[in-house]
Amino acid sequence: MTDNTPPATDTTAGLAGLSADLDALVEKLGVKSVLVMRSEPDSMVVAATAGEASKSYTVGAAGKKAGDDDNRVPLYCERVVDTDTTLFVRDSREDATFAGNEDEVEFGLHNYLGLAVHGPDGAVVGTVCVLDDRARDYADEDLEALQALRDNVERAVREDDSALGG
């Protein structure tokens, strides 16, 4: 008997109040994963996870950053943190920078849209992002919904500097 129950949304204690927002964004966009990531010097760490891919992206799981290693493909979220800009990758398999990245190879997720999360001092402390297993575009209202989640995450971080964990 197959269990078709979707994986439970999971968050750090400081982001628990945003669980419904994460679930709503998965539903609205129809994506495999909505994540909130914390940036560490050498890795990106899951702080909140929702959607079908939650079984792969568990709170506390970390992806190693490429850093200065030209032989490694950068993580999507790493690029967002490093540049403090929105990143959209329609299909990483057709992208010179991101082809063969960890999310694509390990989890089959080659579509990405991510925004930087800023701490109280304005520094980038992480990301909010969506990942999917099909090449797709996002409408303006989809981006606005992701921005609203980011705003809520930033508010949580202002209220509790340990909201992203770590």
Foldseek 3Di string as FASTA:
>chain_A
DDDPDADQKDAAPLCVVCRVLQAVLCVVVVAQKKFWWFDDPFWIFTGIIDHNCCVVRDGGDIDGACPPPPVAQGDPFVVCLVVQDWDWFLFQCPPPRRNPHPCCVPPQWGTKIKGFAAEPVRHTGTIIMTTHNHRDDDDPVSVVSRVVSSVVQRVSCHVPVCRSDD
